[in-house]
């Protein structure tokens, strides 16, 4: 796996996410301020609902922009096989069932999927249940992740 290419793919995904959020916010704003949304009677709440949607979308734009800025401001190192897993680690986990999952320890945007060529992965933040189990672990360690009432076990099979 080429880590610089993967970082570029993540940046592209975060930029696209921001652009999509900005377009949705603009559309919601236009709907909220359109003359067609003026209430015709006291039961007509379309304009009020549109303004709530516009506010929510503007909050999402701020969140997406902050995620992008935070990711770009982070210095990601290349890990050696004997390094402890920390921020910026690109890892592969293998579940007991044999299912493989690629993860990137990110300062933000946890749960977002990314693609780089044939590789798919997911961003994991250090504060998530998976992130807490991974931080400080090493290659070939087995980690335990409790999600709800279920506990899953993974082996760390790759670190970069």
C-alpha atoms as a PDB file:
ATOM      1  CA  UNK A   1       0.000   0.000   0.000  1.00  0.00           C
ATOM      2  CA  UNK A   2       1.298   3.420  -0.938  1.00  0.00           C
ATOM      3  CA  UNK A   3       0.601   5.633   2.075  1.00  0.00           C
ATOM      4  CA  UNK A   4       1.055   9.025   0.330  1.00  0.00           C
ATOM      5  CA  UNK A   5      -1.478   7.966  -2.320  1.00  0.00           C
ATOM      6  CA  UNK A   6      -3.883   6.829   0.391  1.00  0.00           C
ATOM      7  CA  UNK A   7      -3.528  10.152   2.223  1.00  0.00           C
ATOM      8  CA  UNK A   8      -4.232  11.950  -1.077  1.00  0.00           C
ATOM      9  CA  UNK A   9      -7.325   9.770  -1.594  1.00  0.00           C
ATOM     10  CA  UNK A  10      -8.557  10.617   1.908  1.00  0.00           C
ATOM     11  CA  UNK A  11      -8.010  14.339   1.285  1.00  0.00           C
ATOM     12  CA  UNK A  12      -9.965  14.042  -1.991  1.00  0.00           C
ATOM     13  CA  UNK A  13     -12.791  12.255  -0.180  1.00  0.00           C
ATOM     14  CA  UNK A  14     -12.893  14.957   2.534  1.00  0.00           C
ATOM     15  CA  UNK A  15     -12.874  17.722  -0.114  1.00  0.00           C
ATOM     16  CA  UNK A  16     -15.742  16.060  -1.996  1.00  0.00           C
ATOM     17  CA  UNK A  17     -17.641  15.644   1.285  1.00  0.00           C
ATOM     18  CA  UNK A  18     -17.181  19.370   2.002  1.00  0.00           C
ATOM     19  CA  UNK A  19     -18.271  20.386  -1.515  1.00  0.00           C
ATOM     20  CA  UNK A  20     -21.359  18.168  -1.314  1.00  0.00           C
ATOM     21  CA  UNK A  21     -22.281  19.633   2.075  1.00  0.00           C
ATOM     22  CA  UNK A  22     -21.795  23.185   0.778  1.00  0.00           C
ATOM     23  CA  UNK A  23     -24.038  22.509  -2.234  1.00  0.00           C
ATOM     24  CA  UNK A  24     -26.726  20.994   0.013  1.00  0.00           C
ATOM     25  CA  UNK A  25     -26.524  23.981   2.372  1.00  0.00           C
ATOM     26  CA  UNK A  26     -26.922  26.411  -0.523  1.00  0.00           C
ATOM     27  CA  UNK A  27     -29.916  24.499  -1.825  1.00  0.00           C
ATOM     28  CA  UNK A  28     -31.497  24.448   1.657  1.00  0.00           C
ATOM     29  CA  UNK A  29     -30.841  28.185   2.072  1.00  0.00           C
ATOM     30  CA  UNK A  30     -32.451  28.936  -1.276  1.00  0.00           C
ATOM     31  CA  UNK A  31     -35.492  26.857  -0.335  1.00  0.00           C
ATOM     32  CA  UNK A  32     -35.779  28.607   3.038  1.00  0.00           C
ATOM     33  CA  UNK A  33     -35.611  32.095   1.529  1.00  0.00           C
ATOM     34  CA  UNK A  34     -37.744  31.447  -1.546  1.00  0.00           C
ATOM     35  CA  UNK A  35     -40.961  33.483  -1.755  1.00  0.00           C
ATOM     36  CA  UNK A  36     -42.870  30.209  -2.212  1.00  0.00           C
ATOM     37  CA  UNK A  37     -42.047  29.215   1.376  1.00  0.00           C
ATOM     38  CA  UNK A  38     -43.985  32.085   2.957  1.00  0.00           C
ATOM     39  CA  UNK A  39     -46.653  30.581   5.199  1.00  0.00           C
ATOM     40  CA  UNK A  40     -50.158  30.778   3.758  1.00  0.00           C
ATOM     41  CA  UNK A  41     -51.796  30.014   7.104  1.00  0.00           C
ATOM     42  CA  UNK A  42     -50.816  29.134  10.664  1.00  0.00           C
ATOM     43  CA  UNK A  43     -50.605  25.424   9.820  1.00  0.00           C
ATOM     44  CA  UNK A  44     -48.222  25.905   6.913  1.00  0.00           C
ATOM     45  CA  UNK A  45     -44.784  25.106   8.395  1.00  0.00           C
ATOM     46  CA  UNK A  46     -42.817  24.497   5.215  1.00  0.00           C
ATOM     47  CA  UNK A  47     -40.834  27.736   5.582  1.00  0.00           C
ATOM     48  CA  UNK A  48     -39.997  26.982   9.218  1.00  0.00           C
ATOM     49  CA  UNK A  49     -38.923  23.451   8.355  1.00  0.00           C
ATOM     50  CA  UNK A  50     -36.808  24.741   5.467  1.00  0.00           C
ATOM     51  CA  UNK A  51     -35.043  27.205   7.780  1.00  0.00           C
ATOM     52  CA  UNK A  52     -34.260  24.421  10.276  1.00  0.00           C
ATOM     53  CA  UNK A  53     -32.878  22.325   7.436  1.00  0.00           C
ATOM     54  CA  UNK A  54     -30.767  25.243   6.182  1.00  0.00           C
ATOM     55  CA  UNK A  55     -29.336  25.752   9.671  1.00  0.00           C
ATOM     56  CA  UNK A  56     -28.516  22.048  10.034  1.00  0.00           C
ATOM     57  CA  UNK A  57     -26.864  21.966   6.627  1.00  0.00           C
ATOM     58  CA  UNK A  58     -24.755  25.031   7.454  1.00  0.00           C
ATOM     59  CA  UNK A  59     -23.585  23.297  10.650  1.00  0.00           C
ATOM     60  CA  UNK A  60     -22.637  20.256   8.553  1.00  0.00           C
ATOM     61  CA  UNK A  61     -20.594  22.461   6.200  1.00  0.00           C
ATOM     62  CA  UNK A  62     -18.655  23.838   9.179  1.00  0.00           C
ATOM     63  CA  UNK A  63     -18.015  20.303  10.468  1.00  0.00           C
ATOM     64  CA  UNK A  64     -16.823  19.076   7.058  1.00  0.00           C
ATOM     65  CA  UNK A  65     -14.579  22.116   6.609  1.00  0.00           C
ATOM     66  CA  UNK A  66     -13.078  21.636  10.081  1.00  0.00           C
ATOM     67  CA  UNK A  67     -12.460  17.942   9.374  1.00  0.00           C
ATOM     68  CA  UNK A  68     -10.646  18.803   6.147  1.00  0.00           C
ATOM     69  CA  UNK A  69      -8.522  21.503   7.803  1.00  0.00           C
ATOM     70  CA  UNK A  70      -7.689  19.254  10.756  1.00  0.00           C
ATOM     71  CA  UNK A  71      -6.663  16.374   8.496  1.00  0.00           C
ATOM     72  CA  UNK A  72      -4.505  18.635   6.302  1.00  0.00           C
ATOM     73  CA  UNK A  73      -2.795  20.115   9.377  1.00  0.00           C
ATOM     74  CA  UNK A  74      -1.801  16.692  10.723  1.00  0.00           C
ATOM     75  CA  UNK A  75       1.693  15.382  10.000  1.00  0.00           C
ATOM     76  CA  UNK A  76       1.444  11.666   9.211  1.00  0.00           C
ATOM     77  CA  UNK A  77       4.573   9.567   9.606  1.00  0.00           C
ATOM     78  CA  UNK A  78       5.390   6.256   7.984  1.00  0.00           C
ATOM     79  CA  UNK A  79       5.343   3.500  10.593  1.00  0.00           C
ATOM     80  CA  UNK A  80       7.845   0.660  10.839  1.00  0.00           C
ATOM     81  CA  UNK A  81       6.753  -2.861  11.713  1.00  0.00           C
ATOM     82  CA  UNK A  82       7.958  -2.511  15.319  1.00  0.00           C
ATOM     83  CA  UNK A  83       6.295   0.877  15.952  1.00  0.00           C
ATOM     84  CA  UNK A  84       3.396   1.372  18.316  1.00  0.00           C
ATOM     85  CA  UNK A  85       0.132   2.225  16.566  1.00  0.00           C
ATOM     86  CA  UNK A  86      -0.615   5.943  16.820  1.00  0.00           C
ATOM     87  CA  UNK A  87      -2.230   8.785  14.881  1.00  0.00           C
ATOM     88  CA  UNK A  88      -1.686   8.352  11.145  1.00  0.00           C
ATOM     89  CA  UNK A  89      -1.166   4.597  11.198  1.00  0.00           C
ATOM     90  CA  UNK A  90      -2.473   2.681   8.218  1.00  0.00           C
ATOM     91  CA  UNK A  91      -3.357  -0.798   9.388  1.00  0.00           C
ATOM     92  CA  UNK A  92      -5.030  -3.955   8.204  1.00  0.00           C
ATOM     93  CA  UNK A  93      -7.146  -5.955  10.609  1.00  0.00           C
ATOM     94  CA  UNK A  94      -8.175  -9.556  10.134  1.00  0.00           C
ATOM     95  CA  UNK A  95     -11.290 -10.753  11.937  1.00  0.00           C
ATOM     96  CA  UNK A  96     -11.585 -14.288  13.337  1.00  0.00           C
ATOM     97  CA  UNK A  97     -13.881 -15.051  10.381  1.00  0.00           C
ATOM     98  CA  UNK A  98     -11.109 -14.106   7.931  1.00  0.00           C
ATOM     99  CA  UNK A  99     -12.722 -10.811   6.909  1.00  0.00           C
ATOM    100  CA  UNK A 100     -10.095  -8.110   6.271  1.00  0.00           C
ATOM    101  CA  UNK A 101     -10.540  -4.419   7.076  1.00  0.00           C
ATOM    102  CA  UNK A 102      -8.170  -1.562   6.211  1.00  0.00           C
ATOM    103  CA  UNK A 103      -8.145   1.321   8.684  1.00  0.00           C
ATOM    104  CA  UNK A 104      -6.443   4.689   8.900  1.00  0.00           C
ATOM    105  CA  UNK A 105      -6.101   6.292  12.342  1.00  0.00           C
ATOM    106  CA  UNK A 106      -7.383   9.810  11.668  1.00  0.00           C
ATOM    107  CA  UNK A 107      -7.820  12.882  13.869  1.00  0.00           C
ATOM    108  CA  UNK A 108     -11.321  13.417  12.449  1.00  0.00           C
ATOM    109  CA  UNK A 109     -14.131  12.130  10.218  1.00  0.00           C
ATOM    110  CA  UNK A 110     -14.359   8.773  11.961  1.00  0.00           C
ATOM    111  CA  UNK A 111     -16.417   6.186  10.129  1.00  0.00           C
ATOM    112  CA  UNK A 112     -15.896   7.743   6.703  1.00  0.00           C
ATOM    113  CA  UNK A 113     -15.012   5.246   3.994  1.00  0.00           C
ATOM    114  CA  UNK A 114     -12.239   5.900   1.487  1.00  0.00           C
ATOM    115  CA  UNK A 115     -10.974   4.238  -1.682  1.00  0.00           C
ATOM    116  CA  UNK A 116      -7.532   4.208  -3.210  1.00  0.00           C
ATOM    117  CA  UNK A 117      -7.304   2.129  -6.349  1.00  0.00           C
ATOM    118  CA  UNK A 118      -8.438  -1.377  -5.446  1.00  0.00           C
ATOM    119  CA  UNK A 119      -8.151  -0.749  -1.700  1.00  0.00           C
ATOM    120  CA  UNK A 120     -11.109   0.280   0.450  1.00  0.00           C
ATOM    121  CA  UNK A 121     -10.750   1.482   4.004  1.00  0.00           C
ATOM    122  CA  UNK A 122     -12.321   3.367   6.849  1.00  0.00           C
ATOM    123  CA  UNK A 123     -11.175   6.266   8.998  1.00  0.00           C
ATOM    124  CA  UNK A 124     -10.937   5.440  12.694  1.00  0.00           C
ATOM    125  CA  UNK A 125     -10.584   8.119  15.363  1.00  0.00           C
ATOM    126  CA  UNK A 126      -8.598   7.423  18.542  1.00  0.00           C
ATOM    127  CA  UNK A 127     -11.676   8.055  20.720  1.00  0.00           C
ATOM    128  CA  UNK A 128     -13.852   5.439  19.033  1.00  0.00           C
ATOM    129  CA  UNK A 129     -14.107   1.939  20.545  1.00  0.00           C
ATOM    130  CA  UNK A 130     -11.952   0.549  17.713  1.00  0.00           C
ATOM    131  CA  UNK A 131      -9.481   3.437  18.014  1.00  0.00           C
ATOM    132  CA  UNK A 132      -9.107   2.961  21.763  1.00  0.00           C
ATOM    133  CA  UNK A 133      -8.292  -0.708  21.207  1.00  0.00           C
ATOM    134  CA  UNK A 134      -5.787   0.068  18.452  1.00  0.00           C
ATOM    135  CA  UNK A 135      -3.868   2.961  20.015  1.00  0.00           C
ATOM    136  CA  UNK A 136      -0.691   1.651  21.621  1.00  0.00           C
ATOM    137  CA  UNK A 137      -1.005  -1.795  20.035  1.00  0.00           C
ATOM    138  CA  UNK A 138       1.579  -3.402  17.773  1.00  0.00           C
ATOM    139  CA  UNK A 139       1.695  -5.420  14.575  1.00  0.00           C
ATOM    140  CA  UNK A 140       0.453  -8.993  15.151  1.00  0.00           C
ATOM    141  CA  UNK A 141      -1.365  -8.015  18.372  1.00  0.00           C
ATOM    142  CA  UNK A 142      -4.918  -9.210  18.829  1.00  0.00           C
ATOM    143  CA  UNK A 143      -7.362  -6.504  19.817  1.00  0.00           C
ATOM    144  CA  UNK A 144     -10.781  -6.805  21.373  1.00  0.00           C
ATOM    145  CA  UNK A 145     -13.515  -4.356  20.398  1.00  0.00           C
ATOM    146  CA  UNK A 146     -16.802  -4.146  22.281  1.00  0.00           C
ATOM    147  CA  UNK A 147     -19.584  -2.741  20.120  1.00  0.00           C
ATOM    148  CA  UNK A 148     -22.922  -2.736  21.887  1.00  0.00           C
ATOM    149  CA  UNK A 149     -23.436  -6.177  23.404  1.00  0.00           C
ATOM    150  CA  UNK A 150     -21.042  -7.833  20.974  1.00  0.00           C
ATOM    151  CA  UNK A 151     -17.288  -8.326  21.312  1.00  0.00           C
ATOM    152  CA  UNK A 152     -15.177  -8.802  18.204  1.00  0.00           C
ATOM    153  CA  UNK A 153     -11.552  -9.889  17.952  1.00  0.00           C
ATOM    154  CA  UNK A 154      -9.123  -8.737  15.276  1.00  0.00           C
ATOM    155  CA  UNK A 155      -5.468  -9.380  14.557  1.00  0.00           C
ATOM    156  CA  UNK A 156      -3.327  -6.493  13.328  1.00  0.00           C
ATOM    157  CA  UNK A 157      -1.776  -7.948  10.175  1.00  0.00           C
ATOM    158  CA  UNK A 158      -0.300  -4.850   8.512  1.00  0.00           C
ATOM    159  CA  UNK A 159       1.139  -1.522   9.683  1.00  0.00           C
ATOM    160  CA  UNK A 160       2.422   1.374   7.597  1.00  0.00           C
END
